[in-house]
PDB file of N, CA and C in Angstrom:
ATOM      1  N   MET A   1       0.852  -1.169   0.000  1.00  0.00           N
ATOM      2  CA  MET A   1       0.000   0.000   0.000  1.00  0.00           C
ATOM      3  C   MET A   1       0.898   1.232   0.000  1.00  0.00           C
ATOM      4  N   LEU A   2       0.569   2.185  -0.846  1.00  0.00           N
ATOM      5  CA  LEU A   2       1.383   3.393  -0.939  1.00  0.00           C
ATOM      6  C   LEU A   2       0.754   4.533  -0.153  1.00  0.00           C
ATOM      7  N   GLY A   3       1.598   5.253   0.551  1.00  0.00           N
ATOM      8  CA  GLY A   3       1.145   6.418   1.306  1.00  0.00           C
ATOM      9  C   GLY A   3       1.453   7.680   0.523  1.00  0.00           C
ATOM     10  N   THR A   4       1.450   8.806   1.190  1.00  0.00           N
ATOM     11  CA  THR A   4       1.765  10.059   0.530  1.00  0.00           C
ATOM     12  C   THR A   4       3.210  10.070   0.096  1.00  0.00           C
ATOM     13  N   GLY A   5       3.478  10.646  -1.048  1.00  0.00           N
ATOM     14  CA  GLY A   5       4.846  10.718  -1.548  1.00  0.00           C
ATOM     15  C   GLY A   5       5.363   9.398  -2.078  1.00  0.00           C
ATOM     16  N   GLY A   6       4.471   8.421  -2.327  1.00  0.00           N
ATOM     17  CA  GLY A   6       4.885   7.141  -2.877  1.00  0.00           C
ATOM     18  C   GLY A   6       5.569   6.222  -1.888  1.00  0.00           C
ATOM     19  N   GLN A   7       5.545   6.567  -0.600  1.00  0.00           N
ATOM     20  CA  GLN A   7       6.181   5.719   0.409  1.00  0.00           C
ATOM     21  C   GLN A   7       5.283   4.524   0.719  1.00  0.00           C
ATOM     22  N   THR A   8       5.910   3.400   0.971  1.00  0.00           N
ATOM     23  CA  THR A   8       5.161   2.204   1.320  1.00  0.00           C
ATOM     24  C   THR A   8       4.709   2.301   2.766  1.00  0.00           C
ATOM     25  N   MET A   9       3.418   2.025   2.986  1.00  0.00           N
ATOM     26  CA  MET A   9       2.866   2.032   4.342  1.00  0.00           C
ATOM     27  C   MET A   9       2.532   0.604   4.748  1.00  0.00           C
ATOM     28  N   GLU A  10       2.750   0.292   5.990  1.00  0.00           N
ATOM     29  CA  GLU A  10       2.394  -1.010   6.507  1.00  0.00           C
ATOM     30  C   GLU A  10       0.941  -0.979   6.944  1.00  0.00           C
ATOM     31  N   VAL A  11       0.172  -1.976   6.564  1.00  0.00           N
ATOM     32  CA  VAL A  11      -1.203  -2.103   7.032  1.00  0.00           C
ATOM     33  C   VAL A  11      -1.138  -2.969   8.278  1.00  0.00           C
ATOM     34  N   ARG A  12      -1.642  -2.422   9.374  1.00  0.00           N
ATOM     35  CA  ARG A  12      -1.559  -3.106  10.655  1.00  0.00           C
ATOM     36  C   ARG A  12      -2.930  -3.185  11.290  1.00  0.00           C
ATOM     37  N   PRO A  13      -3.606  -4.328  11.186  1.00  0.00           N
ATOM     38  CA  PRO A  13      -4.912  -4.445  11.829  1.00  0.00           C
ATOM     39  C   PRO A  13      -4.773  -4.285  13.342  1.00  0.00           C
ATOM     40  N   ILE A  14      -5.673  -3.529  13.922  1.00  0.00           N
ATOM     41  CA  ILE A  14      -5.672  -3.337  15.369  1.00  0.00           C
ATOM     42  C   ILE A  14      -7.061  -3.612  15.904  1.00  0.00           C
ATOM     43  N   ASP A  15      -7.179  -3.784  17.192  1.00  0.00           N
ATOM     44  CA  ASP A  15      -8.472  -3.944  17.843  1.00  0.00           C
ATOM     45  C   ASP A  15      -8.964  -2.551  18.224  1.00  0.00           C
ATOM     46  N   ALA A  16      -9.745  -1.953  17.354  1.00  0.00           N
ATOM     47  CA  ALA A  16     -10.216  -0.584  17.565  1.00  0.00           C
ATOM     48  C   ALA A  16     -11.078  -0.479  18.814  1.00  0.00           C
ATOM     49  N   ASN A  17     -11.847  -1.501  19.120  1.00  0.00           N
ATOM     50  CA  ASN A  17     -12.682  -1.459  20.328  1.00  0.00           C
ATOM     51  C   ASN A  17     -11.822  -1.401  21.585  1.00  0.00           C
ATOM     52  N   LYS A  18     -10.728  -2.143  21.580  1.00  0.00           N
ATOM     53  CA  LYS A  18      -9.815  -2.134  22.719  1.00  0.00           C
ATOM     54  C   LYS A  18      -9.160  -0.756  22.855  1.00  0.00           C
ATOM     55  N   LEU A  19      -8.794  -0.164  21.725  1.00  0.00           N
ATOM     56  CA  LEU A  19      -8.175   1.154  21.724  1.00  0.00           C
ATOM     57  C   LEU A  19      -9.112   2.201  22.337  1.00  0.00           C
ATOM     58  N   LYS A  20     -10.381   2.080  22.029  1.00  0.00           N
ATOM     59  CA  LYS A  20     -11.358   3.039  22.568  1.00  0.00           C
ATOM     60  C   LYS A  20     -11.537   2.894  24.075  1.00  0.00           C
ATOM     61  N   GLU A  21     -11.274   1.704  24.606  1.00  0.00           N
ATOM     62  CA  GLU A  21     -11.414   1.469  26.042  1.00  0.00           C
ATOM     63  C   GLU A  21     -10.268   2.060  26.855  1.00  0.00           C
ATOM     64  N   VAL A  22      -9.167   2.379  26.197  1.00  0.00           N
ATOM     65  CA  VAL A  22      -7.975   2.855  26.887  1.00  0.00           C
ATOM     66  C   VAL A  22      -8.271   4.088  27.723  1.00  0.00           C
ATOM     67  N   GLY A  23      -8.936   5.062  27.148  1.00  0.00           N
ATOM     68  CA  GLY A  23      -9.232   6.294  27.875  1.00  0.00           C
ATOM     69  C   GLY A  23      -7.996   7.152  28.049  1.00  0.00           C
ATOM     70  N   ILE A  24      -8.165   8.261  28.710  1.00  0.00           N
ATOM     71  CA  ILE A  24      -7.032   9.153  28.965  1.00  0.00           C
ATOM     72  C   ILE A  24      -7.018   9.541  30.435  1.00  0.00           C
ATOM     73  N   ASP A  25      -5.840   9.809  30.935  1.00  0.00           N
ATOM     74  CA  ASP A  25      -5.673  10.245  32.315  1.00  0.00           C
ATOM     75  C   ASP A  25      -5.430  11.749  32.294  1.00  0.00           C
ATOM     76  N   THR A  26      -6.423  12.498  32.729  1.00  0.00           N
ATOM     77  CA  THR A  26      -6.300  13.961  32.735  1.00  0.00           C
ATOM     78  C   THR A  26      -6.021  14.506  34.129  1.00  0.00           C
ATOM     79  N   SER A  27      -5.722  13.632  35.067  1.00  0.00           N
ATOM     80  CA  SER A  27      -5.560  14.069  36.455  1.00  0.00           C
ATOM     81  C   SER A  27      -4.394  15.036  36.646  1.00  0.00           C
ATOM     82  N   LEU A  28      -3.366  14.973  35.802  1.00  0.00           N
ATOM     83  CA  LEU A  28      -2.212  15.848  35.965  1.00  0.00           C
ATOM     84  C   LEU A  28      -2.306  17.128  35.126  1.00  0.00           C
ATOM     85  N   LEU A  29      -3.392  17.262  34.363  1.00  0.00           N
ATOM     86  CA  LEU A  29      -3.529  18.430  33.486  1.00  0.00           C
ATOM     87  C   LEU A  29      -4.240  19.579  34.197  1.00  0.00           C
ATOM     88  N   ARG A  30      -3.937  20.788  33.738  1.00  0.00           N
ATOM     89  CA  ARG A  30      -4.674  21.960  34.236  1.00  0.00           C
ATOM     90  C   ARG A  30      -6.115  21.859  33.747  1.00  0.00           C
ATOM     91  N   ALA A  31      -7.000  22.533  34.419  1.00  0.00           N
ATOM     92  CA  ALA A  31      -8.422  22.463  34.095  1.00  0.00           C
ATOM     93  C   ALA A  31      -8.694  22.838  32.637  1.00  0.00           C
ATOM     94  N   ASP A  32      -8.035  23.906  32.134  1.00  0.00           N
ATOM     95  CA  ASP A  32      -8.298  24.329  30.756  1.00  0.00           C
ATOM     96  C   ASP A  32      -7.740  23.312  29.743  1.00  0.00           C
ATOM     97  N   CYS A  33      -6.732  22.564  30.120  1.00  0.00           N
ATOM     98  CA  CYS A  33      -6.159  21.551  29.220  1.00  0.00           C
ATOM     99  C   CYS A  33      -6.976  20.266  29.222  1.00  0.00           C
ATOM    100  N   LYS A  34      -7.670  19.996  30.350  1.00  0.00           N
ATOM    101  CA  LYS A  34      -8.466  18.776  30.440  1.00  0.00           C
ATOM    102  C   LYS A  34      -9.545  18.750  29.372  1.00  0.00           C
ATOM    103  N   GLU A  35     -10.229  19.889  29.198  1.00  0.00           N
ATOM    104  CA  GLU A  35     -11.301  19.945  28.199  1.00  0.00           C
ATOM    105  C   GLU A  35     -10.753  19.706  26.801  1.00  0.00           C
ATOM    106  N   MET A  36      -9.605  20.316  26.505  1.00  0.00           N
ATOM    107  CA  MET A  36      -9.010  20.149  25.189  1.00  0.00           C
ATOM    108  C   MET A  36      -8.581  18.689  24.974  1.00  0.00           C
ATOM    109  N   ALA A  37      -7.964  18.072  25.993  1.00  0.00           N
ATOM    110  CA  ALA A  37      -7.525  16.680  25.880  1.00  0.00           C
ATOM    111  C   ALA A  37      -8.723  15.759  25.666  1.00  0.00           C
ATOM    112  N   GLU A  38      -9.800  16.006  26.393  1.00  0.00           N
ATOM    113  CA  GLU A  38     -11.001  15.179  26.233  1.00  0.00           C
ATOM    114  C   GLU A  38     -11.618  15.374  24.854  1.00  0.00           C
ATOM    115  N   ALA A  39     -11.602  16.600  24.339  1.00  0.00           N
ATOM    116  CA  ALA A  39     -12.130  16.878  22.998  1.00  0.00           C
ATOM    117  C   ALA A  39     -11.292  16.171  21.935  1.00  0.00           C
ATOM    118  N   ILE A  40      -9.976  16.208  22.105  1.00  0.00           N
ATOM    119  CA  ILE A  40      -9.086  15.528  21.148  1.00  0.00           C
ATOM    120  C   ILE A  40      -9.327  14.022  21.199  1.00  0.00           C
ATOM    121  N   PHE A  41      -9.454  13.478  22.397  1.00  0.00           N
ATOM    122  CA  PHE A  41      -9.691  12.046  22.548  1.00  0.00           C
ATOM    123  C   PHE A  41     -11.021  11.646  21.918  1.00  0.00           C
ATOM    124  N   THR A  42     -12.058  12.454  22.105  1.00  0.00           N
ATOM    125  CA  THR A  42     -13.371  12.191  21.495  1.00  0.00           C
ATOM    126  C   THR A  42     -13.272  12.241  19.977  1.00  0.00           C
ATOM    127  N   ALA A  43     -12.525  13.208  19.458  1.00  0.00           N
ATOM    128  CA  ALA A  43     -12.336  13.311  18.009  1.00  0.00           C
ATOM    129  C   ALA A  43     -11.594  12.080  17.477  1.00  0.00           C
ATOM    130  N   MET A  44     -10.600  11.594  18.220  1.00  0.00           N
ATOM    131  CA  MET A  44      -9.877  10.395  17.800  1.00  0.00           C
ATOM    132  C   MET A  44     -10.792   9.174  17.792  1.00  0.00           C
ATOM    133  N   GLN A  45     -11.655   9.067  18.791  1.00  0.00           N
ATOM    134  CA  GLN A  45     -12.599   7.953  18.823  1.00  0.00           C
ATOM    135  C   GLN A  45     -13.537   8.005  17.619  1.00  0.00           C
ATOM    136  N   SER A  46     -13.996   9.204  17.258  1.00  0.00           N
ATOM    137  CA  SER A  46     -14.869   9.358  16.085  1.00  0.00           C
ATOM    138  C   SER A  46     -14.129   8.984  14.806  1.00  0.00           C
ATOM    139  N   ALA A  47     -12.854   9.386  14.718  1.00  0.00           N
ATOM    140  CA  ALA A  47     -12.058   9.055  13.539  1.00  0.00           C
ATOM    141  C   ALA A  47     -11.885   7.546  13.419  1.00  0.00           C
ATOM    142  N   ILE A  48     -11.678   6.891  14.531  1.00  0.00           N
ATOM    143  CA  ILE A  48     -11.537   5.432  14.528  1.00  0.00           C
ATOM    144  C   ILE A  48     -12.845   4.785  14.082  1.00  0.00           C
ATOM    145  N   ASP A  49     -13.961   5.253  14.636  1.00  0.00           N
ATOM    146  CA  ASP A  49     -15.265   4.688  14.294  1.00  0.00           C
ATOM    147  C   ASP A  49     -15.619   4.888  12.827  1.00  0.00           C
ATOM    148  N   SER A  50     -15.109   5.943  12.206  1.00  0.00           N
ATOM    149  CA  SER A  50     -15.464   6.227  10.817  1.00  0.00           C
ATOM    150  C   SER A  50     -14.650   5.409   9.807  1.00  0.00           C
ATOM    151  N   GLN A  51     -13.628   4.672  10.280  1.00  0.00           N
ATOM    152  CA  GLN A  51     -12.791   3.880   9.378  1.00  0.00           C
ATOM    153  C   GLN A  51     -13.483   2.569   9.019  1.00  0.00           C
ATOM    154  N   PRO A  52     -13.265   2.104   7.782  1.00  0.00           N
ATOM    155  CA  PRO A  52     -13.879   0.825   7.394  1.00  0.00           C
ATOM    156  C   PRO A  52     -13.227  -0.334   8.141  1.00  0.00           C
ATOM    157  N   THR A  53     -14.003  -1.362   8.379  1.00  0.00           N
ATOM    158  CA  THR A  53     -13.491  -2.558   9.028  1.00  0.00           C
ATOM    159  C   THR A  53     -12.863  -3.447   7.965  1.00  0.00           C
ATOM    160  N   LEU A  54     -11.674  -3.955   8.241  1.00  0.00           N
ATOM    161  CA  LEU A  54     -10.998  -4.832   7.295  1.00  0.00           C
ATOM    162  C   LEU A  54     -11.702  -6.174   7.222  1.00  0.00           C
ATOM    163  N   ASP A  55     -11.768  -6.705   6.022  1.00  0.00           N
ATOM    164  CA  ASP A  55     -12.329  -8.030   5.815  1.00  0.00           C
ATOM    165  C   ASP A  55     -11.159  -8.991   5.647  1.00  0.00           C
ATOM    166  N   TYR A  56     -10.767  -9.648   6.710  1.00  0.00           N
ATOM    167  CA  TYR A  56      -9.632 -10.563   6.643  1.00  0.00           C
ATOM    168  C   TYR A  56      -9.824 -11.700   7.624  1.00  0.00           C
ATOM    169  N   GLU A  57      -9.149 -12.785   7.346  1.00  0.00           N
ATOM    170  CA  GLU A  57      -9.117 -13.928   8.236  1.00  0.00           C
ATOM    171  C   GLU A  57      -7.713 -14.009   8.831  1.00  0.00           C
ATOM    172  N   PRO A  58      -7.603 -14.336  10.093  1.00  0.00           N
ATOM    173  CA  PRO A  58      -6.269 -14.500  10.670  1.00  0.00           C
ATOM    174  C   PRO A  58      -5.496 -15.612   9.936  1.00  0.00           C
ATOM    175  N   VAL A  59      -4.223 -15.426   9.775  1.00  0.00           N
ATOM    176  CA  VAL A  59      -3.368 -16.387   9.085  1.00  0.00           C
ATOM    177  C   VAL A  59      -3.022 -17.537  10.032  1.00  0.00           C
ATOM    178  N   VAL A  60      -3.063 -18.746   9.517  1.00  0.00           N
ATOM    179  CA  VAL A  60      -2.596 -19.915  10.258  1.00  0.00           C
ATOM    180  C   VAL A  60      -1.243 -20.303   9.670  1.00  0.00           C
ATOM    181  N   ARG A  61      -0.204 -20.163  10.459  1.00  0.00           N
ATOM    182  CA  ARG A  61       1.148 -20.522  10.014  1.00  0.00           C
ATOM    183  C   ARG A  61       1.284 -22.045   9.983  1.00  0.00           C
ATOM    184  N   CYS A  62       2.166 -22.537   9.116  1.00  0.00           N
ATOM    185  CA  CYS A  62       2.362 -23.986   8.975  1.00  0.00           C
ATOM    186  C   CYS A  62       2.695 -24.652  10.303  1.00  0.00           C
ATOM    187  N   LYS A  63       3.443 -23.974  11.154  1.00  0.00           N
ATOM    188  CA  LYS A  63       3.821 -24.580  12.439  1.00  0.00           C
ATOM    189  C   LYS A  63       2.612 -24.874  13.316  1.00  0.00           C
ATOM    190  N   ASP A  64       1.471 -24.182  13.075  1.00  0.00           N
ATOM    191  CA  ASP A  64       0.264 -24.367  13.875  1.00  0.00           C
ATOM    192  C   ASP A  64      -0.859 -25.043  13.106  1.00  0.00           C
ATOM    193  N   CYS A  65      -0.586 -25.494  11.890  1.00  0.00           N
ATOM    194  CA  CYS A  65      -1.623 -26.027  11.004  1.00  0.00           C
ATOM    195  C   CYS A  65      -1.832 -27.520  11.221  1.00  0.00           C
ATOM    196  N   LYS A  66      -3.071 -27.963  11.067  1.00  0.00           N
ATOM    197  CA  LYS A  66      -3.364 -29.386  11.242  1.00  0.00           C
ATOM    198  C   LYS A  66      -2.799 -30.224  10.094  1.00  0.00           C
ATOM    199  N   HIS A  67      -2.417 -29.599   8.979  1.00  0.00           N
ATOM    200  CA  HIS A  67      -1.859 -30.324   7.837  1.00  0.00           C
ATOM    201  C   HIS A  67      -0.342 -30.505   7.928  1.00  0.00           C
ATOM    202  N   ARG A  68       0.268 -30.023   9.002  1.00  0.00           N
ATOM    203  CA  ARG A  68       1.725 -30.143   9.139  1.00  0.00           C
ATOM    204  C   ARG A  68       2.114 -31.601   9.336  1.00  0.00           C
ATOM    205  N   TYR A  69       3.316 -31.920   8.899  1.00  0.00           N
ATOM    206  CA  TYR A  69       3.820 -33.293   9.010  1.00  0.00           C
ATOM    207  C   TYR A  69       5.335 -33.210   9.065  1.00  0.00           C
ATOM    208  N   MET A  70       5.925 -33.831  10.058  1.00  0.00           N
ATOM    209  CA  MET A  70       7.383 -33.832  10.179  1.00  0.00           C
ATOM    210  C   MET A  70       7.934 -35.083   9.504  1.00  0.00           C
ATOM    211  N   LEU A  71       8.887 -34.889   8.621  1.00  0.00           N
ATOM    212  CA  LEU A  71       9.539 -35.987   7.924  1.00  0.00           C
ATOM    213  C   LEU A  71      11.040 -35.768   8.003  1.00  0.00           C
ATOM    214  N   TYR A  72      11.721 -36.612   8.759  1.00  0.00           N
ATOM    215  CA  TYR A  72      13.167 -36.485   8.948  1.00  0.00           C
ATOM    216  C   TYR A  72      13.550 -35.066   9.391  1.00  0.00           C
ATOM    217  N   ASP A  73      12.881 -34.575  10.421  1.00  0.00           N
ATOM    218  CA  ASP A  73      13.128 -33.248  10.996  1.00  0.00           C
ATOM    219  C   ASP A  73      12.872 -32.110  10.006  1.00  0.00           C
ATOM    220  N   ARG A  74      12.067 -32.352   8.999  1.00  0.00           N
ATOM    221  CA  ARG A  74      11.722 -31.320   8.016  1.00  0.00           C
ATOM    222  C   ARG A  74      10.221 -31.141   8.026  1.00  0.00           C
ATOM    223  N   LEU A  75       9.761 -29.878   8.150  1.00  0.00           N
ATOM    224  CA  LEU A  75       8.329 -29.587   8.178  1.00  0.00           C
ATOM    225  C   LEU A  75       7.754 -29.700   6.774  1.00  0.00           C
ATOM    226  N   MET A  76       6.708 -30.491   6.647  1.00  0.00           N
ATOM    227  CA  MET A  76       6.060 -30.728   5.359  1.00  0.00           C
ATOM    228  C   MET A  76       4.568 -30.455   5.484  1.00  0.00           C
ATOM    229  N   CYS A  77       3.943 -30.188   4.336  1.00  0.00           N
ATOM    230  CA  CYS A  77       2.492 -30.015   4.286  1.00  0.00           C
ATOM    231  C   CYS A  77       1.892 -31.249   3.635  1.00  0.00           C
ATOM    232  N   LYS A  78       0.916 -31.839   4.314  1.00  0.00           N
ATOM    233  CA  LYS A  78       0.287 -33.049   3.774  1.00  0.00           C
ATOM    234  C   LYS A  78      -1.117 -32.792   3.247  1.00  0.00           C
ATOM    235  N   ARG A  79      -1.485 -31.517   3.083  1.00  0.00           N
ATOM    236  CA  ARG A  79      -2.848 -31.207   2.619  1.00  0.00           C
ATOM    237  C   ARG A  79      -3.153 -31.821   1.267  1.00  0.00           C
ATOM    238  N   THR A  80      -2.240 -31.750   0.336  1.00  0.00           N
ATOM    239  CA  THR A  80      -2.482 -32.291  -0.999  1.00  0.00           C
ATOM    240  C   THR A  80      -1.850 -33.656  -1.202  1.00  0.00           C
ATOM    241  N   ALA A  81      -1.162 -34.176  -0.181  1.00  0.00           N
ATOM    242  CA  ALA A  81      -0.492 -35.471  -0.302  1.00  0.00           C
ATOM    243  C   ALA A  81      -1.508 -36.607  -0.192  1.00  0.00           C
ATOM    244  N   LYS A  82      -1.108 -37.750  -0.677  1.00  0.00           N
ATOM    245  CA  LYS A  82      -1.954 -38.943  -0.619  1.00  0.00           C
ATOM    246  C   LYS A  82      -1.362 -39.923   0.392  1.00  0.00           C
ATOM    247  N   LYS A  83      -2.213 -40.437   1.248  1.00  0.00           N
ATOM    248  CA  LYS A  83      -1.792 -41.453   2.229  1.00  0.00           C
ATOM    249  C   LYS A  83      -1.678 -42.780   1.484  1.00  0.00           C
ATOM    250  N   VAL A  84      -0.502 -43.384   1.593  1.00  0.00           N
ATOM    251  CA  VAL A  84      -0.262 -44.650   0.898  1.00  0.00           C
ATOM    252  C   VAL A  84       0.046 -45.714   1.943  1.00  0.00           C
ATOM    253  N   GLU A  85      -0.746 -46.784   1.922  1.00  0.00           N
ATOM    254  CA  GLU A  85      -0.530 -47.908   2.837  1.00  0.00           C
ATOM    255  C   GLU A  85      -0.519 -49.181   2.009  1.00  0.00           C
ATOM    256  N   ASP A  86       0.571 -49.883   2.071  1.00  0.00           N
ATOM    257  CA  ASP A  86       0.709 -51.134   1.341  1.00  0.00           C
ATOM    258  C   ASP A  86       1.501 -52.099   2.211  1.00  0.00           C
ATOM    259  N   GLU A  87       0.788 -53.060   2.823  1.00  0.00           N
ATOM    260  CA  GLU A  87       1.439 -54.005   3.729  1.00  0.00           C
ATOM    261  C   GLU A  87       2.461 -54.873   3.002  1.00  0.00           C
ATOM    262  N   LYS A  88       2.180 -55.209   1.750  1.00  0.00           N
ATOM    263  CA  LYS A  88       3.073 -56.074   0.978  1.00  0.00           C
ATOM    264  C   LYS A  88       4.468 -55.469   0.859  1.00  0.00           C
ATOM    265  N   TYR A  89       4.528 -54.140   0.629  1.00  0.00           N
ATOM    266  CA  TYR A  89       5.808 -53.465   0.465  1.00  0.00           C
ATOM    267  C   TYR A  89       6.230 -52.673   1.706  1.00  0.00           C
ATOM    268  N   GLY A  90       5.448 -52.758   2.756  1.00  0.00           N
ATOM    269  CA  GLY A  90       5.785 -52.071   4.000  1.00  0.00           C
ATOM    270  C   GLY A  90       5.697 -50.555   3.903  1.00  0.00           C
ATOM    271  N   ILE A  91       4.797 -50.071   3.059  1.00  0.00           N
ATOM    272  CA  ILE A  91       4.646 -48.620   2.880  1.00  0.00           C
ATOM    273  C   ILE A  91       3.489 -48.131   3.744  1.00  0.00           C
ATOM    274  N   ASN A  92       3.758 -47.124   4.545  1.00  0.00           N
ATOM    275  CA  ASN A  92       2.722 -46.485   5.350  1.00  0.00           C
ATOM    276  C   ASN A  92       3.141 -45.035   5.537  1.00  0.00           C
ATOM    277  N   ASP A  93       2.959 -44.247   4.514  1.00  0.00           N
ATOM    278  CA  ASP A  93       3.420 -42.865   4.558  1.00  0.00           C
ATOM    279  C   ASP A  93       2.622 -42.024   3.567  1.00  0.00           C
ATOM    280  N   TYR A  94       3.042 -40.794   3.406  1.00  0.00           N
ATOM    281  CA  TYR A  94       2.399 -39.873   2.473  1.00  0.00           C
ATOM    282  C   TYR A  94       3.269 -39.691   1.236  1.00  0.00           C
ATOM    283  N   TRP A  95       2.652 -39.595   0.078  1.00  0.00           N
ATOM    284  CA  TRP A  95       3.338 -39.271  -1.169  1.00  0.00           C
ATOM    285  C   TRP A  95       2.848 -37.917  -1.640  1.00  0.00           C
ATOM    286  N   GLY A  96       3.756 -37.088  -2.099  1.00  0.00           N
ATOM    287  CA  GLY A  96       3.376 -35.772  -2.616  1.00  0.00           C
ATOM    288  C   GLY A  96       3.411 -34.686  -1.561  1.00  0.00           C
ATOM    289  N   LEU A  97       4.221 -34.874  -0.528  1.00  0.00           N
ATOM    290  CA  LEU A  97       4.365 -33.850   0.512  1.00  0.00           C
ATOM    291  C   LEU A  97       5.062 -32.617  -0.050  1.00  0.00           C
ATOM    292  N   ILE A  98       4.730 -31.465   0.495  1.00  0.00           N
ATOM    293  CA  ILE A  98       5.350 -30.206   0.079  1.00  0.00           C
ATOM    294  C   ILE A  98       6.164 -29.671   1.252  1.00  0.00           C
ATOM    295  N   ALA A  99       7.442 -29.363   1.011  1.00  0.00           N
ATOM    296  CA  ALA A  99       8.296 -28.796   2.062  1.00  0.00           C
ATOM    297  C   ALA A  99       7.875 -27.358   2.324  1.00  0.00           C
ATOM    298  N   VAL A 100       7.760 -26.998   3.599  1.00  0.00           N
ATOM    299  CA  VAL A 100       7.363 -25.644   3.999  1.00  0.00           C
ATOM    300  C   VAL A 100       8.243 -25.190   5.163  1.00  0.00           C
ATOM    301  N   THR A 101       8.147 -23.919   5.496  1.00  0.00           N
ATOM    302  CA  THR A 101       8.822 -23.391   6.675  1.00  0.00           C
ATOM    303  C   THR A 101       7.781 -23.127   7.757  1.00  0.00           C
ATOM    304  N   GLU A 102       8.231 -22.941   8.984  1.00  0.00           N
ATOM    305  CA  GLU A 102       7.296 -22.715  10.097  1.00  0.00           C
ATOM    306  C   GLU A 102       6.411 -21.496   9.881  1.00  0.00           C
ATOM    307  N   ASN A 103       6.955 -20.435   9.287  1.00  0.00           N
ATOM    308  CA  ASN A 103       6.191 -19.202   9.118  1.00  0.00           C
ATOM    309  C   ASN A 103       5.448 -19.128   7.800  1.00  0.00           C
ATOM    310  N   HIS A 104       5.554 -20.166   6.972  1.00  0.00           N
ATOM    311  CA  HIS A 104       4.812 -20.202   5.719  1.00  0.00           C
ATOM    312  C   HIS A 104       3.323 -20.290   6.045  1.00  0.00           C
ATOM    313  N   PHE A 105       2.490 -19.861   5.111  1.00  0.00           N
ATOM    314  CA  PHE A 105       1.046 -20.002   5.285  1.00  0.00           C
ATOM    315  C   PHE A 105       0.397 -20.107   3.913  1.00  0.00           C
ATOM    316  N   CYS A 106      -0.805 -20.614   3.873  1.00  0.00           N
ATOM    317  CA  CYS A 106      -1.558 -20.689   2.626  1.00  0.00           C
ATOM    318  C   CYS A 106      -3.031 -20.454   2.947  1.00  0.00           C
ATOM    319  N   SER A 107      -3.844 -20.422   1.928  1.00  0.00           N
ATOM    320  CA  SER A 107      -5.267 -20.152   2.143  1.00  0.00           C
ATOM    321  C   SER A 107      -6.017 -21.369   2.684  1.00  0.00           C
ATOM    322  N   TYR A 108      -5.353 -22.513   2.774  1.00  0.00           N
ATOM    323  CA  TYR A 108      -6.002 -23.724   3.272  1.00  0.00           C
ATOM    324  C   TYR A 108      -5.641 -24.048   4.709  1.00  0.00           C
ATOM    325  N   GLY A 109      -4.868 -23.200   5.346  1.00  0.00           N
ATOM    326  CA  GLY A 109      -4.418 -23.459   6.710  1.00  0.00           C
ATOM    327  C   GLY A 109      -5.571 -23.571   7.687  1.00  0.00           C
ATOM    328  N   VAL A 110      -5.513 -24.591   8.520  1.00  0.00           N
ATOM    329  CA  VAL A 110      -6.521 -24.813   9.561  1.00  0.00           C
ATOM    330  C   VAL A 110      -5.775 -25.022  10.861  1.00  0.00           C
ATOM    331  N   LYS A 111      -6.093 -24.217  11.860  1.00  0.00           N
ATOM    332  CA  LYS A 111      -5.397 -24.321  13.148  1.00  0.00           C
ATOM    333  C   LYS A 111      -5.726 -25.658  13.796  1.00  0.00           C
ATOM    334  N   MET A 112      -4.681 -26.352  14.224  1.00  0.00           N
ATOM    335  CA  MET A 112      -4.901 -27.632  14.889  1.00  0.00           C
ATOM    336  C   MET A 112      -5.374 -27.391  16.321  1.00  0.00           C
ATOM    337  N   ASP A 113      -6.185 -28.320  16.829  1.00  0.00           N
ATOM    338  CA  ASP A 113      -6.639 -28.158  18.211  1.00  0.00           C
ATOM    339  C   ASP A 113      -5.490 -28.506  19.148  1.00  0.00           C
ATOM    340  N   GLU A 114      -5.626 -28.149  20.405  1.00  0.00           N
ATOM    341  CA  GLU A 114      -4.523 -28.272  21.369  1.00  0.00           C
ATOM    342  C   GLU A 114      -4.056 -29.716  21.572  1.00  0.00           C
ATOM    343  N   GLU A 115      -4.988 -30.679  21.561  1.00  0.00           N
ATOM    344  CA  GLU A 115      -4.598 -32.078  21.756  1.00  0.00           C
ATOM    345  C   GLU A 115      -3.737 -32.561  20.586  1.00  0.00           C
ATOM    346  N   VAL A 116      -4.156 -32.228  19.367  1.00  0.00           N
ATOM    347  CA  VAL A 116      -3.396 -32.623  18.181  1.00  0.00           C
ATOM    348  C   VAL A 116      -2.035 -31.939  18.189  1.00  0.00           C
ATOM    349  N   LYS A 117      -1.997 -30.639  18.568  1.00  0.00           N
ATOM    350  CA  LYS A 117      -0.739 -29.902  18.608  1.00  0.00           C
ATOM    351  C   LYS A 117       0.229 -30.526  19.616  1.00  0.00           C
ATOM    352  N   SER A 118      -0.281 -30.907  20.765  1.00  0.00           N
ATOM    353  CA  SER A 118       0.557 -31.535  21.780  1.00  0.00           C
ATOM    354  C   SER A 118       1.165 -32.833  21.264  1.00  0.00           C
ATOM    355  N   ASN A 119       0.356 -33.652  20.590  1.00  0.00           N
ATOM    356  CA  ASN A 119       0.844 -34.908  20.018  1.00  0.00           C
ATOM    357  C   ASN A 119       1.852 -34.657  18.907  1.00  0.00           C
ATOM    358  N   ALA A 120       1.597 -33.662  18.078  1.00  0.00           N
ATOM    359  CA  ALA A 120       2.509 -33.337  16.970  1.00  0.00           C
ATOM    360  C   ALA A 120       3.850 -32.868  17.503  1.00  0.00           C
ATOM    361  N   ASN A 121       3.827 -32.063  18.564  1.00  0.00           N
ATOM    362  CA  ASN A 121       5.089 -31.566  19.143  1.00  0.00           C
ATOM    363  C   ASN A 121       5.857 -32.698  19.824  1.00  0.00           C
ATOM    364  N   ASN A 122       5.147 -33.648  20.414  1.00  0.00           N
ATOM    365  CA  ASN A 122       5.816 -34.775  21.067  1.00  0.00           C
ATOM    366  C   ASN A 122       6.422 -35.741  20.056  1.00  0.00           C
ATOM    367  N   ASN A 123       5.819 -35.803  18.858  1.00  0.00           N
ATOM    368  CA  ASN A 123       6.315 -36.705  17.819  1.00  0.00           C
ATOM    369  C   ASN A 123       7.393 -36.068  16.959  1.00  0.00           C
ATOM    370  N   SER A 124       7.595 -34.754  17.085  1.00  0.00           N
ATOM    371  CA  SER A 124       8.572 -34.056  16.249  1.00  0.00           C
ATOM    372  C   SER A 124       9.976 -34.317  16.720  1.00  0.00           C
TER     373      SER A 124
END
């Protein structure tokens, strides 16, 4: 996203409701400054309320995804892989795994529940 002067701006989603709860401490201000500080704070709250809400889903990183699979100490994605089991040849693994990094993510990421995560970390 470009800002003024062609500079790149970072888009940083925040919890606007939490920000509004912060409030201000005017106890150390002079009486005439308290009104101005409260007016500025009210104006900031209005500015926050007037901004559009982002339409986004939180990212699930591969390290937290239910599709993660460790193979020889290497993090792999098994979402598109096929489970192959063949007793005759002693095969019981996945074919078509994709190597990923812990911070990688994709649009198919699904956060694993805590029990699965605990088992995955113990097996890694």
